[in-house]
PDB file of N, CA and C in Angstrom:
ATOM      1  N   UNK A   1     -61.439 -70.855  41.662  1.00  0.00           N
ATOM      2  CA  UNK A   1     -62.710 -70.944  42.369  1.00  0.00           C
ATOM      3  C   UNK A   1     -63.080 -69.600  42.978  1.00  0.00           C
ATOM      4  N   UNK A   2     -62.082 -68.845  43.390  1.00  0.00           N
ATOM      5  CA  UNK A   2     -62.352 -67.529  43.960  1.00  0.00           C
ATOM      6  C   UNK A   2     -62.918 -66.580  42.905  1.00  0.00           C
ATOM      7  N   UNK A   3     -62.382 -66.660  41.695  1.00  0.00           N
ATOM      8  CA  UNK A   3     -62.890 -65.822  40.610  1.00  0.00           C
ATOM      9  C   UNK A   3     -64.324 -66.212  40.259  1.00  0.00           C
ATOM     10  N   UNK A   4     -64.609 -67.507  40.234  1.00  0.00           N
ATOM     11  CA  UNK A   4     -65.977 -67.958  39.979  1.00  0.00           C
ATOM     12  C   UNK A   4     -66.935 -67.404  41.025  1.00  0.00           C
ATOM     13  N   UNK A   5     -66.529 -67.469  42.285  1.00  0.00           N
ATOM     14  CA  UNK A   5     -67.378 -66.961  43.362  1.00  0.00           C
ATOM     15  C   UNK A   5     -67.599 -65.458  43.231  1.00  0.00           C
ATOM     16  N   UNK A   6     -66.551 -64.718  42.913  1.00  0.00           N
ATOM     17  CA  UNK A   6     -66.672 -63.267  42.786  1.00  0.00           C
ATOM     18  C   UNK A   6     -67.592 -62.888  41.637  1.00  0.00           C
ATOM     19  N   UNK A   7     -67.449 -63.559  40.503  1.00  0.00           N
ATOM     20  CA  UNK A   7     -68.322 -63.268  39.353  1.00  0.00           C
ATOM     21  C   UNK A   7     -69.763 -63.627  39.687  1.00  0.00           C
ATOM     22  N   UNK A   8     -69.964 -64.755  40.333  1.00  0.00           N
ATOM     23  CA  UNK A   8     -71.315 -65.192  40.679  1.00  0.00           C
ATOM     24  C   UNK A   8     -71.952 -64.251  41.695  1.00  0.00           C
ATOM     25  N   UNK A   9     -71.170 -63.772  42.656  1.00  0.00           N
ATOM     26  CA  UNK A   9     -71.704 -62.907  43.700  1.00  0.00           C
ATOM     27  C   UNK A   9     -72.075 -61.530  43.161  1.00  0.00           C
ATOM     28  N   UNK A  10     -71.191 -60.916  42.363  1.00  0.00           N
ATOM     29  CA  UNK A  10     -71.435 -59.565  41.873  1.00  0.00           C
ATOM     30  C   UNK A  10     -72.191 -59.523  40.550  1.00  0.00           C
ATOM     31  N   UNK A  11     -72.381 -60.653  39.910  1.00  0.00           N
ATOM     32  CA  UNK A  11     -73.110 -60.743  38.639  1.00  0.00           C
ATOM     33  C   UNK A  11     -72.546 -59.788  37.594  1.00  0.00           C
ATOM     34  N   UNK A  12     -71.207 -59.742  37.522  1.00  0.00           N
ATOM     35  CA  UNK A  12     -70.546 -58.855  36.575  1.00  0.00           C
ATOM     36  C   UNK A  12     -69.175 -59.411  36.217  1.00  0.00           C
ATOM     37  N   UNK A  13     -68.786 -59.231  34.968  1.00  0.00           N
ATOM     38  CA  UNK A  13     -67.432 -59.595  34.540  1.00  0.00           C
ATOM     39  C   UNK A  13     -66.666 -58.353  34.117  1.00  0.00           C
ATOM     40  N   UNK A  14     -67.015 -57.234  34.699  1.00  0.00           N
ATOM     41  CA  UNK A  14     -66.359 -55.977  34.378  1.00  0.00           C
ATOM     42  C   UNK A  14     -64.861 -56.091  34.670  1.00  0.00           C
ATOM     43  N   UNK A  15     -64.035 -55.772  33.676  1.00  0.00           N
ATOM     44  CA  UNK A  15     -62.592 -55.839  33.823  1.00  0.00           C
ATOM     45  C   UNK A  15     -61.993 -57.178  33.434  1.00  0.00           C
ATOM     46  N   UNK A  16     -62.814 -58.149  33.104  1.00  0.00           N
ATOM     47  CA  UNK A  16     -62.340 -59.483  32.725  1.00  0.00           C
ATOM     48  C   UNK A  16     -62.446 -59.632  31.214  1.00  0.00           C
ATOM     49  N   UNK A  17     -61.398 -60.105  30.600  1.00  0.00           N
ATOM     50  CA  UNK A  17     -61.391 -60.259  29.149  1.00  0.00           C
ATOM     51  C   UNK A  17     -62.066 -61.570  28.756  1.00  0.00           C
ATOM     52  N   UNK A  18     -63.100 -61.463  27.962  1.00  0.00           N
ATOM     53  CA  UNK A  18     -63.810 -62.649  27.488  1.00  0.00           C
ATOM     54  C   UNK A  18     -62.915 -63.453  26.547  1.00  0.00           C
ATOM     55  N   UNK A  19     -62.123 -62.764  25.743  1.00  0.00           N
ATOM     56  CA  UNK A  19     -61.217 -63.452  24.824  1.00  0.00           C
ATOM     57  C   UNK A  19     -60.186 -64.288  25.580  1.00  0.00           C
ATOM     58  N   UNK A  20     -59.696 -63.767  26.686  1.00  0.00           N
ATOM     59  CA  UNK A  20     -58.740 -64.527  27.493  1.00  0.00           C
ATOM     60  C   UNK A  20     -59.382 -65.779  28.063  1.00  0.00           C
ATOM     61  N   UNK A  21     -60.619 -65.681  28.493  1.00  0.00           N
ATOM     62  CA  UNK A  21     -61.305 -66.843  29.055  1.00  0.00           C
ATOM     63  C   UNK A  21     -61.592 -67.892  27.985  1.00  0.00           C
ATOM     64  N   UNK A  22     -61.919 -67.458  26.782  1.00  0.00           N
ATOM     65  CA  UNK A  22     -62.149 -68.412  25.686  1.00  0.00           C
ATOM     66  C   UNK A  22     -60.835 -69.088  25.295  1.00  0.00           C
ATOM     67  N   UNK A  23     -59.746 -68.320  25.250  1.00  0.00           N
ATOM     68  CA  UNK A  23     -58.439 -68.914  24.946  1.00  0.00           C
ATOM     69  C   UNK A  23     -58.030 -69.893  26.036  1.00  0.00           C
ATOM     70  N   UNK A  24     -58.326 -69.560  27.286  1.00  0.00           N
ATOM     71  CA  UNK A  24     -58.044 -70.464  28.404  1.00  0.00           C
ATOM     72  C   UNK A  24     -58.863 -71.749  28.274  1.00  0.00           C
ATOM     73  N   UNK A  25     -60.121 -71.634  27.868  1.00  0.00           N
ATOM     74  CA  UNK A  25     -60.957 -72.822  27.662  1.00  0.00           C
ATOM     75  C   UNK A  25     -60.391 -73.702  26.558  1.00  0.00           C
ATOM     76  N   UNK A  26     -59.942 -73.101  25.465  1.00  0.00           N
ATOM     77  CA  UNK A  26     -59.338 -73.883  24.383  1.00  0.00           C
ATOM     78  C   UNK A  26     -58.062 -74.582  24.851  1.00  0.00           C
ATOM     79  N   UNK A  27     -57.268 -73.903  25.667  1.00  0.00           N
ATOM     80  CA  UNK A  27     -56.036 -74.507  26.188  1.00  0.00           C
ATOM     81  C   UNK A  27     -56.340 -75.669  27.118  1.00  0.00           C
ATOM     82  N   UNK A  28     -57.343 -75.532  27.963  1.00  0.00           N
ATOM     83  CA  UNK A  28     -57.702 -76.620  28.887  1.00  0.00           C
ATOM     84  C   UNK A  28     -58.257 -77.808  28.114  1.00  0.00           C
ATOM     85  N   UNK A  29     -59.064 -77.554  27.108  1.00  0.00           N
ATOM     86  CA  UNK A  29     -59.609 -78.658  26.314  1.00  0.00           C
ATOM     87  C   UNK A  29     -58.513 -79.379  25.532  1.00  0.00           C
ATOM     88  N   UNK A  30     -57.551 -78.632  25.011  1.00  0.00           N
ATOM     89  CA  UNK A  30     -56.452 -79.300  24.312  1.00  0.00           C
ATOM     90  C   UNK A  30     -55.572 -80.069  25.289  1.00  0.00           C
ATOM     91  N   UNK A  31     -55.463 -79.577  26.505  1.00  0.00           N
ATOM     92  CA  UNK A  31     -54.709 -80.311  27.525  1.00  0.00           C
ATOM     93  C   UNK A  31     -55.410 -81.624  27.883  1.00  0.00           C
ATOM     94  N   UNK A  32     -56.729 -81.617  27.847  1.00  0.00           N
ATOM     95  CA  UNK A  32     -57.466 -82.864  28.091  1.00  0.00           C
ATOM     96  C   UNK A  32     -57.183 -83.891  27.002  1.00  0.00           C
ATOM     97  N   UNK A  33     -57.015 -83.429  25.780  1.00  0.00           N
ATOM     98  CA  UNK A  33     -56.763 -84.342  24.664  1.00  0.00           C
ATOM     99  C   UNK A  33     -55.356 -84.916  24.737  1.00  0.00           C
ATOM    100  N   UNK A  34     -54.371 -84.066  25.006  1.00  0.00           N
ATOM    101  CA  UNK A  34     -52.982 -84.509  24.944  1.00  0.00           C
ATOM    102  C   UNK A  34     -52.340 -84.787  26.301  1.00  0.00           C
ATOM    103  N   UNK A  35     -53.124 -84.891  27.357  1.00  0.00           N
ATOM    104  CA  UNK A  35     -52.521 -85.108  28.678  1.00  0.00           C
ATOM    105  C   UNK A  35     -51.971 -86.522  28.844  1.00  0.00           C
ATOM    106  N   UNK A  36     -52.454 -87.463  28.071  1.00  0.00           N
ATOM    107  CA  UNK A  36     -51.968 -88.839  28.209  1.00  0.00           C
ATOM    108  C   UNK A  36     -50.575 -89.029  27.626  1.00  0.00           C
ATOM    109  N   UNK A  37     -50.118 -88.068  26.841  1.00  0.00           N
ATOM    110  CA  UNK A  37     -48.800 -88.174  26.239  1.00  0.00           C
ATOM    111  C   UNK A  37     -47.714 -87.499  27.074  1.00  0.00           C
ATOM    112  N   UNK A  38     -48.064 -87.022  28.249  1.00  0.00           N
ATOM    113  CA  UNK A  38     -47.091 -86.361  29.106  1.00  0.00           C
ATOM    114  C   UNK A  38     -46.744 -87.253  30.288  1.00  0.00           C
ATOM    115  N   UNK A  39     -45.774 -86.851  31.036  1.00  0.00           N
ATOM    116  CA  UNK A  39     -45.372 -87.612  32.224  1.00  0.00           C
ATOM    117  C   UNK A  39     -46.266 -87.321  33.413  1.00  0.00           C
ATOM    118  N   UNK A  40     -47.180 -86.388  33.271  1.00  0.00           N
ATOM    119  CA  UNK A  40     -48.074 -86.061  34.375  1.00  0.00           C
ATOM    120  C   UNK A  40     -49.009 -87.202  34.727  1.00  0.00           C
ATOM    121  N   UNK A  41     -49.287 -88.090  33.799  1.00  0.00           N
ATOM    122  CA  UNK A  41     -50.208 -89.184  34.087  1.00  0.00           C
ATOM    123  C   UNK A  41     -49.603 -90.189  35.062  1.00  0.00           C
ATOM    124  N   UNK A  42     -48.310 -90.078  35.338  1.00  0.00           N
ATOM    125  CA  UNK A  42     -47.685 -90.978  36.295  1.00  0.00           C
ATOM    126  C   UNK A  42     -48.017 -90.596  37.733  1.00  0.00           C
ATOM    127  N   UNK A  43     -48.467 -89.389  37.956  1.00  0.00           N
ATOM    128  CA  UNK A  43     -48.820 -88.972  39.308  1.00  0.00           C
ATOM    129  C   UNK A  43     -50.237 -89.420  39.645  1.00  0.00           C
ATOM    130  N   UNK A  44     -50.501 -89.535  40.917  1.00  0.00           N
ATOM    131  CA  UNK A  44     -51.801 -90.044  41.366  1.00  0.00           C
ATOM    132  C   UNK A  44     -52.928 -89.027  41.199  1.00  0.00           C
ATOM    133  N   UNK A  45     -52.614 -87.743  41.341  1.00  0.00           N
ATOM    134  CA  UNK A  45     -53.681 -86.741  41.321  1.00  0.00           C
ATOM    135  C   UNK A  45     -53.815 -86.024  39.982  1.00  0.00           C
ATOM    136  N   UNK A  46     -53.178 -86.514  38.955  1.00  0.00           N
ATOM    137  CA  UNK A  46     -53.219 -85.836  37.654  1.00  0.00           C
ATOM    138  C   UNK A  46     -54.635 -85.801  37.090  1.00  0.00           C
ATOM    139  N   UNK A  47     -55.368 -86.879  37.191  1.00  0.00           N
ATOM    140  CA  UNK A  47     -56.722 -86.909  36.637  1.00  0.00           C
ATOM    141  C   UNK A  47     -57.671 -86.031  37.445  1.00  0.00           C
ATOM    142  N   UNK A  48     -57.494 -86.013  38.759  1.00  0.00           N
ATOM    143  CA  UNK A  48     -58.310 -85.150  39.599  1.00  0.00           C
ATOM    144  C   UNK A  48     -58.076 -83.684  39.261  1.00  0.00           C
ATOM    145  N   UNK A  49     -56.827 -83.305  39.104  1.00  0.00           N
ATOM    146  CA  UNK A  49     -56.497 -81.921  38.750  1.00  0.00           C
ATOM    147  C   UNK A  49     -57.041 -81.569  37.370  1.00  0.00           C
ATOM    148  N   UNK A  50     -56.949 -82.497  36.441  1.00  0.00           N
ATOM    149  CA  UNK A  50     -57.456 -82.259  35.093  1.00  0.00           C
ATOM    150  C   UNK A  50     -58.967 -82.049  35.101  1.00  0.00           C
ATOM    151  N   UNK A  51     -59.669 -82.858  35.861  1.00  0.00           N
ATOM    152  CA  UNK A  51     -61.126 -82.726  35.941  1.00  0.00           C
ATOM    153  C   UNK A  51     -61.522 -81.428  36.630  1.00  0.00           C
ATOM    154  N   UNK A  52     -60.878 -81.117  37.750  1.00  0.00           N
ATOM    155  CA  UNK A  52     -61.232 -79.904  38.485  1.00  0.00           C
ATOM    156  C   UNK A  52     -60.913 -78.637  37.690  1.00  0.00           C
ATOM    157  N   UNK A  53     -59.787 -78.615  37.002  1.00  0.00           N
ATOM    158  CA  UNK A  53     -59.456 -77.423  36.208  1.00  0.00           C
ATOM    159  C   UNK A  53     -60.389 -77.287  35.009  1.00  0.00           C
ATOM    160  N   UNK A  54     -60.820 -78.403  34.439  1.00  0.00           N
ATOM    161  CA  UNK A  54     -61.766 -78.345  33.320  1.00  0.00           C
ATOM    162  C   UNK A  54     -63.125 -77.826  33.784  1.00  0.00           C
ATOM    163  N   UNK A  55     -63.576 -78.279  34.938  1.00  0.00           N
ATOM    164  CA  UNK A  55     -64.856 -77.808  35.477  1.00  0.00           C
ATOM    165  C   UNK A  55     -64.777 -76.320  35.817  1.00  0.00           C
ATOM    166  N   UNK A  56     -63.696 -75.888  36.434  1.00  0.00           N
ATOM    167  CA  UNK A  56     -63.542 -74.465  36.779  1.00  0.00           C
ATOM    168  C   UNK A  56     -63.492 -73.599  35.523  1.00  0.00           C
ATOM    169  N   UNK A  57     -62.786 -74.048  34.525  1.00  0.00           N
ATOM    170  CA  UNK A  57     -62.691 -73.285  33.278  1.00  0.00           C
ATOM    171  C   UNK A  57     -64.038 -73.255  32.557  1.00  0.00           C
ATOM    172  N   UNK A  58     -64.738 -74.365  32.571  1.00  0.00           N
ATOM    173  CA  UNK A  58     -66.069 -74.392  31.971  1.00  0.00           C
ATOM    174  C   UNK A  58     -67.031 -73.458  32.680  1.00  0.00           C
ATOM    175  N   UNK A  59     -66.927 -73.401  34.013  1.00  0.00           N
ATOM    176  CA  UNK A  59     -67.755 -72.469  34.779  1.00  0.00           C
ATOM    177  C   UNK A  59     -67.433 -71.026  34.450  1.00  0.00           C
ATOM    178  N   UNK A  60     -66.156 -70.702  34.326  1.00  0.00           N
ATOM    179  CA  UNK A  60     -65.763 -69.343  33.953  1.00  0.00           C
ATOM    180  C   UNK A  60     -66.281 -68.980  32.563  1.00  0.00           C
ATOM    181  N   UNK A  61     -66.161 -69.906  31.633  1.00  0.00           N
ATOM    182  CA  UNK A  61     -66.625 -69.638  30.273  1.00  0.00           C
ATOM    183  C   UNK A  61     -68.147 -69.457  30.240  1.00  0.00           C
ATOM    184  N   UNK A  62     -68.851 -70.261  31.016  1.00  0.00           N
ATOM    185  CA  UNK A  62     -70.313 -70.136  31.067  1.00  0.00           C
ATOM    186  C   UNK A  62     -70.724 -68.788  31.660  1.00  0.00           C
ATOM    187  N   UNK A  63     -70.081 -68.386  32.755  1.00  0.00           N
ATOM    188  CA  UNK A  63     -70.428 -67.102  33.367  1.00  0.00           C
ATOM    189  C   UNK A  63     -70.063 -65.933  32.457  1.00  0.00           C
ATOM    190  N   UNK A  64     -68.959 -66.050  31.723  1.00  0.00           N
ATOM    191  CA  UNK A  64     -68.607 -64.994  30.764  1.00  0.00           C
ATOM    192  C   UNK A  64     -69.639 -64.911  29.651  1.00  0.00           C
ATOM    193  N   UNK A  65     -70.123 -66.058  29.203  1.00  0.00           N
ATOM    194  CA  UNK A  65     -71.146 -66.068  28.159  1.00  0.00           C
ATOM    195  C   UNK A  65     -72.463 -65.485  28.683  1.00  0.00           C
ATOM    196  N   UNK A  66     -72.814 -65.852  29.918  1.00  0.00           N
ATOM    197  CA  UNK A  66     -74.075 -65.404  30.508  1.00  0.00           C
ATOM    198  C   UNK A  66     -74.039 -63.913  30.850  1.00  0.00           C
ATOM    199  N   UNK A  67     -72.902 -63.416  31.308  1.00  0.00           N
ATOM    200  CA  UNK A  67     -72.788 -62.025  31.760  1.00  0.00           C
ATOM    201  C   UNK A  67     -71.995 -61.164  30.776  1.00  0.00           C
ATOM    202  N   UNK A  68     -72.001 -61.517  29.518  1.00  0.00           N
ATOM    203  CA  UNK A  68     -71.245 -60.789  28.494  1.00  0.00           C
ATOM    204  C   UNK A  68     -71.649 -59.321  28.408  1.00  0.00           C
ATOM    205  N   UNK A  69     -72.893 -59.026  28.667  1.00  0.00           N
ATOM    206  CA  UNK A  69     -73.396 -57.663  28.549  1.00  0.00           C
ATOM    207  C   UNK A  69     -72.855 -56.736  29.639  1.00  0.00           C
ATOM    208  N   UNK A  70     -72.242 -57.255  30.697  1.00  0.00           N
ATOM    209  CA  UNK A  70     -71.762 -56.412  31.788  1.00  0.00           C
ATOM    210  C   UNK A  70     -70.391 -55.813  31.537  1.00  0.00           C
ATOM    211  N   UNK A  71     -69.729 -56.216  30.471  1.00  0.00           N
ATOM    212  CA  UNK A  71     -68.448 -55.609  30.119  1.00  0.00           C
ATOM    213  C   UNK A  71     -68.630 -54.766  28.867  1.00  0.00           C
ATOM    214  N   UNK A  72     -67.881 -53.701  28.781  1.00  0.00           N
ATOM    215  CA  UNK A  72     -68.106 -52.782  27.664  1.00  0.00           C
ATOM    216  C   UNK A  72     -66.914 -52.676  26.726  1.00  0.00           C
ATOM    217  N   UNK A  73     -65.734 -53.006  27.175  1.00  0.00           N
ATOM    218  CA  UNK A  73     -64.549 -52.819  26.344  1.00  0.00           C
ATOM    219  C   UNK A  73     -64.048 -54.178  25.857  1.00  0.00           C
ATOM    220  N   UNK A  74     -63.824 -54.274  24.566  1.00  0.00           N
ATOM    221  CA  UNK A  74     -63.340 -55.510  23.976  1.00  0.00           C
ATOM    222  C   UNK A  74     -62.073 -55.214  23.178  1.00  0.00           C
ATOM    223  N   UNK A  75     -61.362 -56.243  22.866  1.00  0.00           N
ATOM    224  CA  UNK A  75     -60.117 -56.118  22.120  1.00  0.00           C
ATOM    225  C   UNK A  75     -60.398 -55.676  20.685  1.00  0.00           C
ATOM    226  N   UNK A  76     -59.339 -55.215  20.024  1.00  0.00           N
ATOM    227  CA  UNK A  76     -59.497 -54.856  18.614  1.00  0.00           C
ATOM    228  C   UNK A  76     -59.805 -56.121  17.813  1.00  0.00           C
ATOM    229  N   UNK A  77     -60.527 -56.014  16.713  1.00  0.00           N
ATOM    230  CA  UNK A  77     -60.995 -57.216  16.006  1.00  0.00           C
ATOM    231  C   UNK A  77     -59.902 -58.180  15.558  1.00  0.00           C
ATOM    232  N   UNK A  78     -58.743 -57.690  15.138  1.00  0.00           N
ATOM    233  CA  UNK A  78     -57.725 -58.627  14.660  1.00  0.00           C
ATOM    234  C   UNK A  78     -56.967 -59.312  15.792  1.00  0.00           C
ATOM    235  N   UNK A  79     -57.219 -58.948  17.023  1.00  0.00           N
ATOM    236  CA  UNK A  79     -56.620 -59.638  18.162  1.00  0.00           C
ATOM    237  C   UNK A  79     -57.630 -60.446  18.965  1.00  0.00           C
ATOM    238  N   UNK A  80     -58.836 -60.576  18.466  1.00  0.00           N
ATOM    239  CA  UNK A  80     -59.851 -61.366  19.164  1.00  0.00           C
ATOM    240  C   UNK A  80     -59.516 -62.848  19.027  1.00  0.00           C
ATOM    241  N   UNK A  81     -60.098 -63.660  19.881  1.00  0.00           N
ATOM    242  CA  UNK A  81     -59.743 -65.074  19.934  1.00  0.00           C
ATOM    243  C   UNK A  81     -60.174 -65.824  18.676  1.00  0.00           C
ATOM    244  N   UNK A  82     -61.223 -65.386  18.020  1.00  0.00           N
ATOM    245  CA  UNK A  82     -61.650 -66.073  16.803  1.00  0.00           C
ATOM    246  C   UNK A  82     -60.700 -65.819  15.636  1.00  0.00           C
ATOM    247  N   UNK A  83     -59.768 -64.890  15.780  1.00  0.00           N
ATOM    248  CA  UNK A  83     -58.725 -64.674  14.773  1.00  0.00           C
ATOM    249  C   UNK A  83     -57.417 -65.324  15.211  1.00  0.00           C
ATOM    250  N   UNK A  84     -57.047 -65.139  16.466  1.00  0.00           N
ATOM    251  CA  UNK A  84     -55.750 -65.637  16.934  1.00  0.00           C
ATOM    252  C   UNK A  84     -55.724 -67.153  17.114  1.00  0.00           C
ATOM    253  N   UNK A  85     -56.832 -67.765  17.516  1.00  0.00           N
ATOM    254  CA  UNK A  85     -56.841 -69.217  17.719  1.00  0.00           C
ATOM    255  C   UNK A  85     -56.608 -69.991  16.410  1.00  0.00           C
ATOM    256  N   UNK A  86     -57.293 -69.675  15.307  1.00  0.00           N
ATOM    257  CA  UNK A  86     -56.978 -70.384  14.062  1.00  0.00           C
ATOM    258  C   UNK A  86     -55.557 -70.125  13.562  1.00  0.00           C
ATOM    259  N   UNK A  87     -55.049 -68.898  13.787  1.00  0.00           N
ATOM    260  CA  UNK A  87     -53.673 -68.621  13.388  1.00  0.00           C
ATOM    261  C   UNK A  87     -52.693 -69.484  14.187  1.00  0.00           C
ATOM    262  N   UNK A  88     -52.928 -69.633  15.466  1.00  0.00           N
ATOM    263  CA  UNK A  88     -52.066 -70.472  16.301  1.00  0.00           C
ATOM    264  C   UNK A  88     -52.170 -71.937  15.899  1.00  0.00           C
ATOM    265  N   UNK A  89     -53.357 -72.377  15.503  1.00  0.00           N
ATOM    266  CA  UNK A  89     -53.529 -73.754  15.058  1.00  0.00           C
ATOM    267  C   UNK A  89     -52.725 -74.023  13.787  1.00  0.00           C
ATOM    268  N   UNK A  90     -52.768 -73.103  12.853  1.00  0.00           N
ATOM    269  CA  UNK A  90     -51.990 -73.264  11.613  1.00  0.00           C
ATOM    270  C   UNK A  90     -50.495 -73.265  11.915  1.00  0.00           C
ATOM    271  N   UNK A  91     -50.040 -72.363  12.770  1.00  0.00           N
ATOM    272  CA  UNK A  91     -48.618 -72.310  13.121  1.00  0.00           C
ATOM    273  C   UNK A  91     -48.183 -73.561  13.875  1.00  0.00           C
ATOM    274  N   UNK A  92     -49.062 -74.105  14.713  1.00  0.00           N
ATOM    275  CA  UNK A  92     -48.715 -75.333  15.432  1.00  0.00           C
ATOM    276  C   UNK A  92     -48.555 -76.506  14.479  1.00  0.00           C
ATOM    277  N   UNK A  93     -49.389 -76.569  13.454  1.00  0.00           N
ATOM    278  CA  UNK A  93     -49.258 -77.642  12.461  1.00  0.00           C
ATOM    279  C   UNK A  93     -47.971 -77.475  11.663  1.00  0.00           C
ATOM    280  N   UNK A  94     -47.631 -76.245  11.318  1.00  0.00           N
ATOM    281  CA  UNK A  94     -46.426 -76.004  10.523  1.00  0.00           C
ATOM    282  C   UNK A  94     -45.135 -76.260  11.312  1.00  0.00           C
ATOM    283  N   UNK A  95     -45.114 -75.910  12.576  1.00  0.00           N
ATOM    284  CA  UNK A  95     -43.882 -75.984  13.355  1.00  0.00           C
ATOM    285  C   UNK A  95     -43.865 -77.117  14.375  1.00  0.00           C
ATOM    286  N   UNK A  96     -44.735 -78.102  14.249  1.00  0.00           N
ATOM    287  CA  UNK A  96     -44.751 -79.222  15.184  1.00  0.00           C
ATOM    288  C   UNK A  96     -43.466 -80.023  15.047  1.00  0.00           C
ATOM    289  N   UNK A  97     -42.744 -80.262  16.157  1.00  0.00           N
ATOM    290  CA  UNK A  97     -41.434 -80.893  16.048  1.00  0.00           C
ATOM    291  C   UNK A  97     -41.455 -82.397  15.792  1.00  0.00           C
ATOM    292  N   UNK A  98     -42.555 -83.058  16.015  1.00  0.00           N
ATOM    293  CA  UNK A  98     -42.579 -84.510  15.863  1.00  0.00           C
ATOM    294  C   UNK A  98     -43.395 -84.961  14.670  1.00  0.00           C
ATOM    295  N   UNK A  99     -43.370 -86.269  14.439  1.00  0.00           N
ATOM    296  CA  UNK A  99     -44.125 -86.849  13.340  1.00  0.00           C
ATOM    297  C   UNK A  99     -45.450 -87.449  13.799  1.00  0.00           C
ATOM    298  N   UNK A 100     -45.559 -87.787  15.086  1.00  0.00           N
ATOM    299  CA  UNK A 100     -46.783 -88.421  15.572  1.00  0.00           C
ATOM    300  C   UNK A 100     -47.693 -87.389  16.208  1.00  0.00           C
ATOM    301  N   UNK A 101     -48.972 -87.629  16.123  1.00  0.00           N
ATOM    302  CA  UNK A 101     -49.967 -86.748  16.704  1.00  0.00           C
ATOM    303  C   UNK A 101     -50.655 -87.499  17.780  1.00  0.00           C
TER     304      UNK A 101
END
């Protein structure tokens, strides 16, 4: 929430990696899908934490998209999230330890 406030106040994402925020958004969304298969659902505040972290991550992703022009340095093309995320998806399918999804 502090990062959201700072980005909103200064209207800049200078020094923040957009690729990292997109990867974080993908991780939070996948956690929303597979959170019911973990032991975290036994706690009382698991759903509240899941909702709040999803909203915060969505806000960060939206501000990064809106203020993309305020950052000037980006990662090399083969390390960008649109390359690494599909590679990780393929590796996860190949090395998944269980039979059920």
